[in-house]
Structures are given as structure tokens and as C-alpha cells.
Amino acid sequence: MLITFKSKAAAEIVMYKEHARRILDLLHKDVEQGIITTAELPAAIASIEAAIAESKIHSVSTEVAHDVNTHQNENDDEHEKPATVSFATRAFPLLDMLQAAQKMQKDVVWGV
């Protein structure tokens, strides 16, 4: 399932629900539907930046490796090596949207 993040400050961002869940869990937000208000943006940005910094210290988690294997090897191609996708890479587009939203004082919504 896909989640579409929207803000008047940036282009829409589409993510797999399971990838968005990790980010939204950090922000104590529901993955199905929600809003990050302009008042919540500074704390949300700080939380995501801290999680990105923490993820760079540690190796790629089993959860991310599993996600990559699930999506990349659907054709059972044994010769194809899965590429690892870090939390930082997955979170960057949403972080960029939040920063643009903060600059323009706009909310970020999804599931509406």
C-alpha cells in the first residue's frame, strides 16, 4: 500500500506504507491519516534528523534488508544482488518536504 504526503510547500511524496511507518512512528503519528502542523514541524524535523544520524552510526537493519529483498527479488532472479537502502535515503524526501513546509509555514498531510 502507498502513502502520499502532501504540502503546499513541496511536490507530493509517495512512499510504501511500511517505509513511511518507521518515520511516522518517530513522530507518534498514525500511518493511515494525519497532519504535521506548522507548530509541530521543528520537533518533527529534529526527530527525523536525529534518527538519520543514529542510523548512520549503525549498520543497515534487518528490517530494511528484508524490505529490499522482498521488493527487489520478486522474479526470483538469483543472479541479481539486492541494493541496500538506508533509513537516511528513505527519509530524506519527507525531511526535505518538512523543511520546505517549515520555511513556508505550511502543514503536511497524508491519507486525506
PDB file of N, CA and C in Angstrom:
ATOM      1  N   MET A   1       0.847  -1.168   0.000  1.00  0.00           N
ATOM      2  CA  MET A   1       0.000   0.000   0.000  1.00  0.00           C
ATOM      3  C   MET A   1       0.898   1.239   0.000  1.00  0.00           C
ATOM      4  N   LEU A   2       0.425   2.289  -0.641  1.00  0.00           N
ATOM      5  CA  LEU A   2       1.186   3.525  -0.765  1.00  0.00           C
ATOM      6  C   LEU A   2       0.590   4.629   0.104  1.00  0.00           C
ATOM      7  N   ILE A   3       1.461   5.511   0.554  1.00  0.00           N
ATOM      8  CA  ILE A   3       1.071   6.701   1.311  1.00  0.00           C
ATOM      9  C   ILE A   3       1.536   7.908   0.492  1.00  0.00           C
ATOM     10  N   THR A   4       0.680   8.908   0.355  1.00  0.00           N
ATOM     11  CA  THR A   4       1.047  10.128  -0.355  1.00  0.00           C
ATOM     12  C   THR A   4       1.066  11.286   0.626  1.00  0.00           C
ATOM     13  N   PHE A   5       2.236  11.889   0.791  1.00  0.00           N
ATOM     14  CA  PHE A   5       2.398  13.067   1.637  1.00  0.00           C
ATOM     15  C   PHE A   5       2.188  14.293   0.769  1.00  0.00           C
ATOM     16  N   LYS A   6       1.428  15.267   1.300  1.00  0.00           N
ATOM     17  CA  LYS A   6       1.109  16.473   0.542  1.00  0.00           C
ATOM     18  C   LYS A   6       1.369  17.714   1.390  1.00  0.00           C
ATOM     19  N   SER A   7       1.842  18.750   0.725  1.00  0.00           N
ATOM     20  CA  SER A   7       2.026  20.053   1.350  1.00  0.00           C
ATOM     21  C   SER A   7       1.999  21.100   0.245  1.00  0.00           C
ATOM     22  N   LYS A   8       1.505  22.262   0.572  1.00  0.00           N
ATOM     23  CA  LYS A   8       1.510  23.356  -0.400  1.00  0.00           C
ATOM     24  C   LYS A   8       2.923  23.908  -0.605  1.00  0.00           C
ATOM     25  N   ALA A   9       3.865  23.417   0.189  1.00  0.00           N
ATOM     26  CA  ALA A   9       5.237  23.905   0.110  1.00  0.00           C
ATOM     27  C   ALA A   9       6.135  23.063  -0.788  1.00  0.00           C
ATOM     28  N   ALA A  10       5.648  21.880  -1.224  1.00  0.00           N
ATOM     29  CA  ALA A  10       6.512  20.973  -1.987  1.00  0.00           C
ATOM     30  C   ALA A  10       5.665  20.024  -2.829  1.00  0.00           C
ATOM     31  N   ALA A  11       6.333  19.339  -3.740  1.00  0.00           N
ATOM     32  CA  ALA A  11       5.658  18.323  -4.553  1.00  0.00           C
ATOM     33  C   ALA A  11       5.272  17.131  -3.677  1.00  0.00           C
ATOM     34  N   GLU A  12       4.255  16.394  -4.102  1.00  0.00           N
ATOM     35  CA  GLU A  12       3.814  15.210  -3.367  1.00  0.00           C
ATOM     36  C   GLU A  12       4.924  14.174  -3.287  1.00  0.00           C
ATOM     37  N   ILE A  13       4.913  13.412  -2.196  1.00  0.00           N
ATOM     38  CA  ILE A  13       5.866  12.326  -1.993  1.00  0.00           C
ATOM     39  C   ILE A  13       5.067  11.052  -1.779  1.00  0.00           C
ATOM     40  N   VAL A  14       5.398  10.019  -2.545  1.00  0.00           N
ATOM     41  CA  VAL A  14       4.724   8.727  -2.422  1.00  0.00           C
ATOM     42  C   VAL A  14       5.721   7.729  -1.851  1.00  0.00           C
ATOM     43  N   MET A  15       5.282   7.005  -0.805  1.00  0.00           N
ATOM     44  CA  MET A  15       6.120   6.004  -0.138  1.00  0.00           C
ATOM     45  C   MET A  15       5.315   4.750   0.109  1.00  0.00           C
ATOM     46  N   TYR A  16       6.007   3.623   0.174  1.00  0.00           N
ATOM     47  CA  TYR A  16       5.357   2.411   0.653  1.00  0.00           C
ATOM     48  C   TYR A  16       4.977   2.635   2.110  1.00  0.00           C
ATOM     49  N   LYS A  17       3.825   2.108   2.483  1.00  0.00           N
ATOM     50  CA  LYS A  17       3.318   2.280   3.842  1.00  0.00           C
ATOM     51  C   LYS A  17       4.313   1.773   4.882  1.00  0.00           C
ATOM     52  N   GLU A  18       4.938   0.617   4.633  1.00  0.00           N
ATOM     53  CA  GLU A  18       5.865   0.052   5.619  1.00  0.00           C
ATOM     54  C   GLU A  18       7.107   0.932   5.809  1.00  0.00           C
ATOM     55  N   HIS A  19       7.491   1.680   4.779  1.00  0.00           N
ATOM     56  CA  HIS A  19       8.640   2.577   4.920  1.00  0.00           C
ATOM     57  C   HIS A  19       8.227   3.871   5.626  1.00  0.00           C
ATOM     58  N   ALA A  20       7.040   4.361   5.326  1.00  0.00           N
ATOM     59  CA  ALA A  20       6.531   5.561   5.984  1.00  0.00           C
ATOM     60  C   ALA A  20       6.267   5.309   7.466  1.00  0.00           C
ATOM     61  N   ARG A  21       5.856   4.085   7.801  1.00  0.00           N
ATOM     62  CA  ARG A  21       5.520   3.758   9.189  1.00  0.00           C
ATOM     63  C   ARG A  21       6.680   4.045  10.145  1.00  0.00           C
ATOM     64  N   ARG A  22       7.888   3.689   9.758  1.00  0.00           N
ATOM     65  CA  ARG A  22       9.042   3.914  10.645  1.00  0.00           C
ATOM     66  C   ARG A  22       9.233   5.402  10.936  1.00  0.00           C
ATOM     67  N   ILE A  23       9.069   6.220   9.931  1.00  0.00           N
ATOM     68  CA  ILE A  23       9.222   7.661  10.107  1.00  0.00           C
ATOM     69  C   ILE A  23       8.078   8.214  10.960  1.00  0.00           C
ATOM     70  N   LEU A  24       6.860   7.822  10.632  1.00  0.00           N
ATOM     71  CA  LEU A  24       5.701   8.338  11.356  1.00  0.00           C
ATOM     72  C   LEU A  24       5.658   7.836  12.802  1.00  0.00           C
ATOM     73  N   ASP A  25       6.175   6.646  13.060  1.00  0.00           N
ATOM     74  CA  ASP A  25       6.270   6.154  14.441  1.00  0.00           C
ATOM     75  C   ASP A  25       7.167   7.065  15.276  1.00  0.00           C
ATOM     76  N   LEU A  26       8.239   7.575  14.666  1.00  0.00           N
ATOM     77  CA  LEU A  26       9.125   8.515  15.364  1.00  0.00           C
ATOM     78  C   LEU A  26       8.365   9.769  15.797  1.00  0.00           C
ATOM     79  N   LEU A  27       7.390  10.149  14.988  1.00  0.00           N
ATOM     80  CA  LEU A  27       6.643  11.387  15.220  1.00  0.00           C
ATOM     81  C   LEU A  27       5.345  11.142  15.983  1.00  0.00           C
ATOM     82  N   HIS A  28       5.123   9.872  16.357  1.00  0.00           N
ATOM     83  CA  HIS A  28       3.898   9.475  17.075  1.00  0.00           C
ATOM     84  C   HIS A  28       2.653   9.826  16.264  1.00  0.00           C
ATOM     85  N   LYS A  29       2.726   9.527  14.965  1.00  0.00           N
ATOM     86  CA  LYS A  29       1.627   9.807  14.047  1.00  0.00           C
ATOM     87  C   LYS A  29       1.087   8.506  13.467  1.00  0.00           C
ATOM     88  N   ASP A  30      -0.206   8.504  13.159  1.00  0.00           N
ATOM     89  CA  ASP A  30      -0.862   7.361  12.548  1.00  0.00           C
ATOM     90  C   ASP A  30      -0.458   7.264  11.080  1.00  0.00           C
ATOM     91  N   VAL A  31      -0.166   6.067  10.627  1.00  0.00           N
ATOM     92  CA  VAL A  31       0.280   5.877   9.254  1.00  0.00           C
ATOM     93  C   VAL A  31      -0.876   6.009   8.256  1.00  0.00           C
ATOM     94  N   GLU A  32      -2.090   5.793   8.692  1.00  0.00           N
ATOM     95  CA  GLU A  32      -3.241   5.818   7.781  1.00  0.00           C
ATOM     96  C   GLU A  32      -3.624   7.234   7.348  1.00  0.00           C
ATOM     97  N   GLN A  33      -3.608   8.153   8.300  1.00  0.00           N
ATOM     98  CA  GLN A  33      -4.056   9.511   8.009  1.00  0.00           C
ATOM     99  C   GLN A  33      -3.508  10.443   9.075  1.00  0.00           C
ATOM    100  N   GLY A  34      -3.106  11.632   8.672  1.00  0.00           N
ATOM    101  CA  GLY A  34      -2.613  12.558   9.677  1.00  0.00           C
ATOM    102  C   GLY A  34      -2.166  13.891   9.122  1.00  0.00           C
ATOM    103  N   ILE A  35      -1.676  14.684  10.050  1.00  0.00           N
ATOM    104  CA  ILE A  35      -1.202  16.028   9.725  1.00  0.00           C
ATOM    105  C   ILE A  35      -0.017  16.355  10.630  1.00  0.00           C
ATOM    106  N   ILE A  36       0.945  17.038  10.073  1.00  0.00           N
ATOM    107  CA  ILE A  36       2.019  17.646  10.852  1.00  0.00           C
ATOM    108  C   ILE A  36       1.805  19.145  10.680  1.00  0.00           C
ATOM    109  N   THR A  37       1.394  19.781  11.750  1.00  0.00           N
ATOM    110  CA  THR A  37       1.082  21.204  11.695  1.00  0.00           C
ATOM    111  C   THR A  37       2.359  22.031  11.680  1.00  0.00           C
ATOM    112  N   THR A  38       2.215  23.292  11.347  1.00  0.00           N
ATOM    113  CA  THR A  38       3.384  24.175  11.334  1.00  0.00           C
ATOM    114  C   THR A  38       4.032  24.248  12.714  1.00  0.00           C
ATOM    115  N   ALA A  39       3.229  24.162  13.772  1.00  0.00           N
ATOM    116  CA  ALA A  39       3.777  24.198  15.129  1.00  0.00           C
ATOM    117  C   ALA A  39       4.579  22.936  15.447  1.00  0.00           C
ATOM    118  N   GLU A  40       4.238  21.812  14.815  1.00  0.00           N
ATOM    119  CA  GLU A  40       4.922  20.540  15.069  1.00  0.00           C
ATOM    120  C   GLU A  40       6.163  20.346  14.197  1.00  0.00           C
ATOM    121  N   LEU A  41       6.309  21.150  13.166  1.00  0.00           N
ATOM    122  CA  LEU A  41       7.398  20.946  12.204  1.00  0.00           C
ATOM    123  C   LEU A  41       8.804  20.978  12.822  1.00  0.00           C
ATOM    124  N   PRO A  42       9.157  21.948  13.681  1.00  0.00           N
ATOM    125  CA  PRO A  42      10.522  21.947  14.227  1.00  0.00           C
ATOM    126  C   PRO A  42      10.863  20.652  14.977  1.00  0.00           C
ATOM    127  N   ALA A  43       9.944  20.159  15.795  1.00  0.00           N
ATOM    128  CA  ALA A  43      10.200  18.924  16.545  1.00  0.00           C
ATOM    129  C   ALA A  43      10.251  17.713  15.612  1.00  0.00           C
ATOM    130  N   ALA A  44       9.396  17.695  14.590  1.00  0.00           N
ATOM    131  CA  ALA A  44       9.390  16.590  13.637  1.00  0.00           C
ATOM    132  C   ALA A  44      10.704  16.533  12.859  1.00  0.00           C
ATOM    133  N   ILE A  45      11.162  17.683  12.419  1.00  0.00           N
ATOM    134  CA  ILE A  45      12.433  17.754  11.690  1.00  0.00           C
ATOM    135  C   ILE A  45      13.580  17.292  12.577  1.00  0.00           C
ATOM    136  N   ALA A  46      13.613  17.758  13.812  1.00  0.00           N
ATOM    137  CA  ALA A  46      14.679  17.357  14.745  1.00  0.00           C
ATOM    138  C   ALA A  46      14.650  15.852  15.004  1.00  0.00           C
ATOM    139  N   SER A  47      13.466  15.281  15.158  1.00  0.00           N
ATOM    140  CA  SER A  47      13.344  13.837  15.407  1.00  0.00           C
ATOM    141  C   SER A  47      13.862  13.019  14.236  1.00  0.00           C
ATOM    142  N   ILE A  48      13.490  13.416  13.031  1.00  0.00           N
ATOM    143  CA  ILE A  48      13.940  12.684  11.845  1.00  0.00           C
ATOM    144  C   ILE A  48      15.443  12.853  11.648  1.00  0.00           C
ATOM    145  N   GLU A  49      15.962  14.057  11.837  1.00  0.00           N
ATOM    146  CA  GLU A  49      17.404  14.275  11.709  1.00  0.00           C
ATOM    147  C   GLU A  49      18.182  13.436  12.724  1.00  0.00           C
ATOM    148  N   ALA A  50      17.680  13.345  13.953  1.00  0.00           N
ATOM    149  CA  ALA A  50      18.339  12.532  14.978  1.00  0.00           C
ATOM    150  C   ALA A  50      18.312  11.055  14.599  1.00  0.00           C
ATOM    151  N   ALA A  51      17.193  10.584  14.078  1.00  0.00           N
ATOM    152  CA  ALA A  51      17.085   9.183  13.664  1.00  0.00           C
ATOM    153  C   ALA A  51      18.007   8.888  12.490  1.00  0.00           C
ATOM    154  N   ILE A  52      18.134   9.835  11.571  1.00  0.00           N
ATOM    155  CA  ILE A  52      19.052   9.658  10.447  1.00  0.00           C
ATOM    156  C   ILE A  52      20.491   9.578  10.953  1.00  0.00           C
ATOM    157  N   ALA A  53      20.858  10.467  11.854  1.00  0.00           N
ATOM    158  CA  ALA A  53      22.213  10.449  12.415  1.00  0.00           C
ATOM    159  C   ALA A  53      22.477   9.127  13.129  1.00  0.00           C
ATOM    160  N   GLU A  54      21.503   8.657  13.888  1.00  0.00           N
ATOM    161  CA  GLU A  54      21.641   7.379  14.601  1.00  0.00           C
ATOM    162  C   GLU A  54      21.769   6.219  13.623  1.00  0.00           C
ATOM    163  N   SER A  55      20.990   6.256  12.545  1.00  0.00           N
ATOM    164  CA  SER A  55      21.033   5.159  11.575  1.00  0.00           C
ATOM    165  C   SER A  55      22.371   5.099  10.842  1.00  0.00           C
ATOM    166  N   LYS A  56      23.030   6.239  10.703  1.00  0.00           N
ATOM    167  CA  LYS A  56      24.333   6.256  10.034  1.00  0.00           C
ATOM    168  C   LYS A  56      25.430   5.654  10.908  1.00  0.00           C
ATOM    169  N   ILE A  57      25.214   5.659  12.208  1.00  0.00           N
ATOM    170  CA  ILE A  57      26.187   5.074  13.135  1.00  0.00           C
ATOM    171  C   ILE A  57      26.132   3.557  13.089  1.00  0.00           C
ATOM    172  N   HIS A  58      24.920   3.018  12.953  1.00  0.00           N
ATOM    173  CA  HIS A  58      24.710   1.574  12.970  1.00  0.00           C
ATOM    174  C   HIS A  58      24.593   1.040  11.552  1.00  0.00           C
ATOM    175  N   SER A  59      24.840  -0.262  11.408  1.00  0.00           N
ATOM    176  CA  SER A  59      24.711  -0.878  10.087  1.00  0.00           C
ATOM    177  C   SER A  59      23.242  -0.968   9.687  1.00  0.00           C
ATOM    178  N   VAL A  60      23.007  -1.292   8.427  1.00  0.00           N
ATOM    179  CA  VAL A  60      21.651  -1.402   7.901  1.00  0.00           C
ATOM    180  C   VAL A  60      20.903  -2.481   8.684  1.00  0.00           C
ATOM    181  N   SER A  61      19.696  -2.146   9.090  1.00  0.00           N
ATOM    182  CA  SER A  61      18.922  -3.080   9.911  1.00  0.00           C
ATOM    183  C   SER A  61      18.394  -4.247   9.105  1.00  0.00           C
ATOM    184  N   THR A  62      18.068  -5.296   9.795  1.00  0.00           N
ATOM    185  CA  THR A  62      17.486  -6.477   9.171  1.00  0.00           C
ATOM    186  C   THR A  62      16.171  -6.130   8.491  1.00  0.00           C
ATOM    187  N   GLU A  63      15.412  -5.227   9.099  1.00  0.00           N
ATOM    188  CA  GLU A  63      14.119  -4.819   8.535  1.00  0.00           C
ATOM    189  C   GLU A  63      14.290  -4.197   7.152  1.00  0.00           C
ATOM    190  N   VAL A  64      15.266  -3.318   6.982  1.00  0.00           N
ATOM    191  CA  VAL A  64      15.496  -2.679   5.691  1.00  0.00           C
ATOM    192  C   VAL A  64      15.984  -3.707   4.684  1.00  0.00           C
ATOM    193  N   ALA A  65      16.886  -4.586   5.092  1.00  0.00           N
ATOM    194  CA  ALA A  65      17.376  -5.629   4.196  1.00  0.00           C
ATOM    195  C   ALA A  65      16.227  -6.514   3.740  1.00  0.00           C
ATOM    196  N   HIS A  66      15.322  -6.839   4.649  1.00  0.00           N
ATOM    197  CA  HIS A  66      14.154  -7.648   4.295  1.00  0.00           C
ATOM    198  C   HIS A  66      13.284  -6.914   3.283  1.00  0.00           C
ATOM    199  N   ASP A  67      13.040  -5.631   3.493  1.00  0.00           N
ATOM    200  CA  ASP A  67      12.238  -4.838   2.557  1.00  0.00           C
ATOM    201  C   ASP A  67      12.855  -4.849   1.165  1.00  0.00           C
ATOM    202  N   VAL A  68      14.153  -4.677   1.102  1.00  0.00           N
ATOM    203  CA  VAL A  68      14.839  -4.648  -0.189  1.00  0.00           C
ATOM    204  C   VAL A  68      14.714  -6.002  -0.868  1.00  0.00           C
ATOM    205  N   ASN A  69      14.960  -7.087  -0.128  1.00  0.00           N
ATOM    206  CA  ASN A  69      14.861  -8.423  -0.708  1.00  0.00           C
ATOM    207  C   ASN A  69      13.451  -8.709  -1.196  1.00  0.00           C
ATOM    208  N   THR A  70      12.456  -8.296  -0.450  1.00  0.00           N
ATOM    209  CA  THR A  70      11.062  -8.529  -0.818  1.00  0.00           C
ATOM    210  C   THR A  70      10.708  -7.808  -2.105  1.00  0.00           C
ATOM    211  N   HIS A  71      11.095  -6.554  -2.229  1.00  0.00           N
ATOM    212  CA  HIS A  71      10.710  -5.764  -3.388  1.00  0.00           C
ATOM    213  C   HIS A  71      11.615  -5.993  -4.598  1.00  0.00           C
ATOM    214  N   GLN A  72      12.874  -6.260  -4.386  1.00  0.00           N
ATOM    215  CA  GLN A  72      13.815  -6.341  -5.494  1.00  0.00           C
ATOM    216  C   GLN A  72      13.834  -7.714  -6.157  1.00  0.00           C
ATOM    217  N   ASN A  73      13.593  -8.781  -5.413  1.00  0.00           N
ATOM    218  CA  ASN A  73      13.744 -10.128  -5.957  1.00  0.00           C
ATOM    219  C   ASN A  73      12.413 -10.822  -6.195  1.00  0.00           C
ATOM    220  N   GLU A  74      11.414 -10.090  -6.617  1.00  0.00           N
ATOM    221  CA  GLU A  74      10.109 -10.676  -6.859  1.00  0.00           C
ATOM    222  C   GLU A  74      10.138 -11.682  -8.003  1.00  0.00           C
ATOM    223  N   ASN A  75      11.099 -11.596  -8.910  1.00  0.00           N
ATOM    224  CA  ASN A  75      11.191 -12.515 -10.048  1.00  0.00           C
ATOM    225  C   ASN A  75      12.083 -13.713  -9.756  1.00  0.00           C
ATOM    226  N   ASP A  76      12.528 -13.852  -8.513  1.00  0.00           N
ATOM    227  CA  ASP A  76      13.404 -14.962  -8.104  1.00  0.00           C
ATOM    228  C   ASP A  76      14.670 -15.042  -8.940  1.00  0.00           C
ATOM    229  N   ASP A  77      15.197 -13.918  -9.334  1.00  0.00           N
ATOM    230  CA  ASP A  77      16.437 -13.868 -10.092  1.00  0.00           C
ATOM    231  C   ASP A  77      17.598 -14.021  -9.121  1.00  0.00           C
ATOM    232  N   GLU A  78      18.205 -15.202  -9.088  1.00  0.00           N
ATOM    233  CA  GLU A  78      19.259 -15.484  -8.118  1.00  0.00           C
ATOM    234  C   GLU A  78      20.547 -14.725  -8.423  1.00  0.00           C
ATOM    235  N   HIS A  79      20.682 -14.212  -9.628  1.00  0.00           N
ATOM    236  CA  HIS A  79      21.902 -13.503 -10.001  1.00  0.00           C
ATOM    237  C   HIS A  79      21.856 -12.026  -9.636  1.00  0.00           C
ATOM    238  N   GLU A  80      20.683 -11.556  -9.328  1.00  0.00           N
ATOM    239  CA  GLU A  80      20.528 -10.139  -9.009  1.00  0.00           C
ATOM    240  C   GLU A  80      20.792  -9.900  -7.529  1.00  0.00           C
ATOM    241  N   LYS A  81      21.755  -9.040  -7.231  1.00  0.00           N
ATOM    242  CA  LYS A  81      22.077  -8.700  -5.843  1.00  0.00           C
ATOM    243  C   LYS A  81      21.202  -7.533  -5.403  1.00  0.00           C
ATOM    244  N   PRO A  82      20.549  -7.661  -4.249  1.00  0.00           N
ATOM    245  CA  PRO A  82      19.714  -6.548  -3.785  1.00  0.00           C
ATOM    246  C   PRO A  82      20.566  -5.363  -3.340  1.00  0.00           C
ATOM    247  N   ALA A  83      20.111  -4.193  -3.672  1.00  0.00           N
ATOM    248  CA  ALA A  83      20.780  -2.979  -3.227  1.00  0.00           C
ATOM    249  C   ALA A  83      20.221  -2.604  -1.862  1.00  0.00           C
ATOM    250  N   THR A  84      21.078  -2.193  -0.949  1.00  0.00           N
ATOM    251  CA  THR A  84      20.589  -1.771   0.359  1.00  0.00           C
ATOM    252  C   THR A  84      20.161  -0.312   0.284  1.00  0.00           C
ATOM    253  N   VAL A  85      19.081  -0.018   0.957  1.00  0.00           N
ATOM    254  CA  VAL A  85      18.555   1.342   1.000  1.00  0.00           C
ATOM    255  C   VAL A  85      18.530   1.759   2.462  1.00  0.00           C
ATOM    256  N   SER A  86      19.282   2.771   2.795  1.00  0.00           N
ATOM    257  CA  SER A  86      19.389   3.200   4.187  1.00  0.00           C
ATOM    258  C   SER A  86      18.154   3.972   4.628  1.00  0.00           C
ATOM    259  N   PHE A  87      17.984   4.051   5.942  1.00  0.00           N
ATOM    260  CA  PHE A  87      16.901   4.846   6.506  1.00  0.00           C
ATOM    261  C   PHE A  87      17.039   6.298   6.058  1.00  0.00           C
ATOM    262  N   ALA A  88      18.260   6.800   6.041  1.00  0.00           N
ATOM    263  CA  ALA A  88      18.501   8.191   5.635  1.00  0.00           C
ATOM    264  C   ALA A  88      18.006   8.443   4.214  1.00  0.00           C
ATOM    265  N   THR A  89      18.263   7.507   3.329  1.00  0.00           N
ATOM    266  CA  THR A  89      17.828   7.639   1.942  1.00  0.00           C
ATOM    267  C   THR A  89      16.312   7.626   1.847  1.00  0.00           C
ATOM    268  N   ARG A  90      15.672   6.746   2.603  1.00  0.00           N
ATOM    269  CA  ARG A  90      14.209   6.655   2.575  1.00  0.00           C
ATOM    270  C   ARG A  90      13.559   7.896   3.202  1.00  0.00           C
ATOM    271  N   ALA A  91      14.174   8.427   4.246  1.00  0.00           N
ATOM    272  CA  ALA A  91      13.578   9.544   4.987  1.00  0.00           C
ATOM    273  C   ALA A  91      13.845  10.900   4.349  1.00  0.00           C
ATOM    274  N   PHE A  92      14.890  11.009   3.539  1.00  0.00           N
ATOM    275  CA  PHE A  92      15.290  12.312   3.011  1.00  0.00           C
ATOM    276  C   PHE A  92      14.178  13.072   2.279  1.00  0.00           C
ATOM    277  N   PRO A  93      13.416  12.442   1.372  1.00  0.00           N
ATOM    278  CA  PRO A  93      12.384  13.223   0.672  1.00  0.00           C
ATOM    279  C   PRO A  93      11.356  13.844   1.620  1.00  0.00           C
ATOM    280  N   LEU A  94      10.938  13.087   2.632  1.00  0.00           N
ATOM    281  CA  LEU A  94       9.969  13.633   3.585  1.00  0.00           C
ATOM    282  C   LEU A  94      10.611  14.718   4.437  1.00  0.00           C
ATOM    283  N   LEU A  95      11.850  14.519   4.856  1.00  0.00           N
ATOM    284  CA  LEU A  95      12.559  15.538   5.620  1.00  0.00           C
ATOM    285  C   LEU A  95      12.669  16.826   4.802  1.00  0.00           C
ATOM    286  N   ASP A  96      12.979  16.691   3.533  1.00  0.00           N
ATOM    287  CA  ASP A  96      13.073  17.849   2.644  1.00  0.00           C
ATOM    288  C   ASP A  96      11.723  18.568   2.553  1.00  0.00           C
ATOM    289  N   MET A  97      10.637  17.792   2.462  1.00  0.00           N
ATOM    290  CA  MET A  97       9.301  18.384   2.424  1.00  0.00           C
ATOM    291  C   MET A  97       9.004  19.123   3.720  1.00  0.00           C
ATOM    292  N   LEU A  98       9.344  18.529   4.852  1.00  0.00           N
ATOM    293  CA  LEU A  98       9.090  19.172   6.140  1.00  0.00           C
ATOM    294  C   LEU A  98       9.862  20.476   6.270  1.00  0.00           C
ATOM    295  N   GLN A  99      11.089  20.487   5.801  1.00  0.00           N
ATOM    296  CA  GLN A  99      11.891  21.708   5.864  1.00  0.00           C
ATOM    297  C   GLN A  99      11.301  22.799   4.968  1.00  0.00           C
ATOM    298  N   ALA A 100      10.833  22.427   3.790  1.00  0.00           N
ATOM    299  CA  ALA A 100      10.184  23.401   2.897  1.00  0.00           C
ATOM    300  C   ALA A 100       8.884  23.905   3.524  1.00  0.00           C
ATOM    301  N   ALA A 101       8.138  22.999   4.148  1.00  0.00           N
ATOM    302  CA  ALA A 101       6.883  23.379   4.796  1.00  0.00           C
ATOM    303  C   ALA A 101       7.139  24.335   5.953  1.00  0.00           C
ATOM    304  N   GLN A 102       8.204  24.093   6.702  1.00  0.00           N
ATOM    305  CA  GLN A 102       8.541  24.982   7.809  1.00  0.00           C
ATOM    306  C   GLN A 102       8.905  26.368   7.280  1.00  0.00           C
ATOM    307  N   LYS A 103       9.678  26.405   6.220  1.00  0.00           N
ATOM    308  CA  LYS A 103      10.105  27.682   5.639  1.00  0.00           C
ATOM    309  C   LYS A 103       8.898  28.488   5.143  1.00  0.00           C
ATOM    310  N   MET A 104       7.899  27.787   4.569  1.00  0.00           N
ATOM    311  CA  MET A 104       6.733  28.476   4.012  1.00  0.00           C
ATOM    312  C   MET A 104       5.536  28.489   4.967  1.00  0.00           C
ATOM    313  N   GLN A 105       5.728  27.916   6.171  1.00  0.00           N
ATOM    314  CA  GLN A 105       4.666  27.861   7.178  1.00  0.00           C
ATOM    315  C   GLN A 105       3.406  27.166   6.649  1.00  0.00           C
ATOM    316  N   LYS A 106       3.592  25.946   6.117  1.00  0.00           N
ATOM    317  CA  LYS A 106       2.506  25.128   5.577  1.00  0.00           C
ATOM    318  C   LYS A 106       2.481  23.778   6.284  1.00  0.00           C
ATOM    319  N   ASP A 107       1.291  23.208   6.434  1.00  0.00           N
ATOM    320  CA  ASP A 107       1.144  21.883   7.030  1.00  0.00           C
ATOM    321  C   ASP A 107       1.531  20.798   6.030  1.00  0.00           C
ATOM    322  N   VAL A 108       1.782  19.586   6.564  1.00  0.00           N
ATOM    323  CA  VAL A 108       1.998  18.390   5.763  1.00  0.00           C
ATOM    324  C   VAL A 108       0.904  17.399   6.153  1.00  0.00           C
ATOM    325  N   VAL A 109       0.226  16.833   5.153  1.00  0.00           N
ATOM    326  CA  VAL A 109      -0.867  15.891   5.406  1.00  0.00           C
ATOM    327  C   VAL A 109      -0.668  14.615   4.607  1.00  0.00           C
ATOM    328  N   TRP A 110      -1.352  13.544   5.028  1.00  0.00           N
ATOM    329  CA  TRP A 110      -1.369  12.289   4.271  1.00  0.00           C
ATOM    330  C   TRP A 110      -2.666  11.559   4.612  1.00  0.00           C
ATOM    331  N   GLY A 111      -3.076  10.708   3.675  1.00  0.00           N
ATOM    332  CA  GLY A 111      -4.264   9.893   3.885  1.00  0.00           C
ATOM    333  C   GLY A 111      -5.581  10.636   3.793  1.00  0.00           C
ATOM    334  N   VAL A 112      -5.566  11.844   3.266  1.00  0.00           N
ATOM    335  CA  VAL A 112      -6.810  12.617   3.141  1.00  0.00           C
ATOM    336  C   VAL A 112      -7.155  12.828   1.687  1.00  0.00           C
TER     337      VAL A 112
END
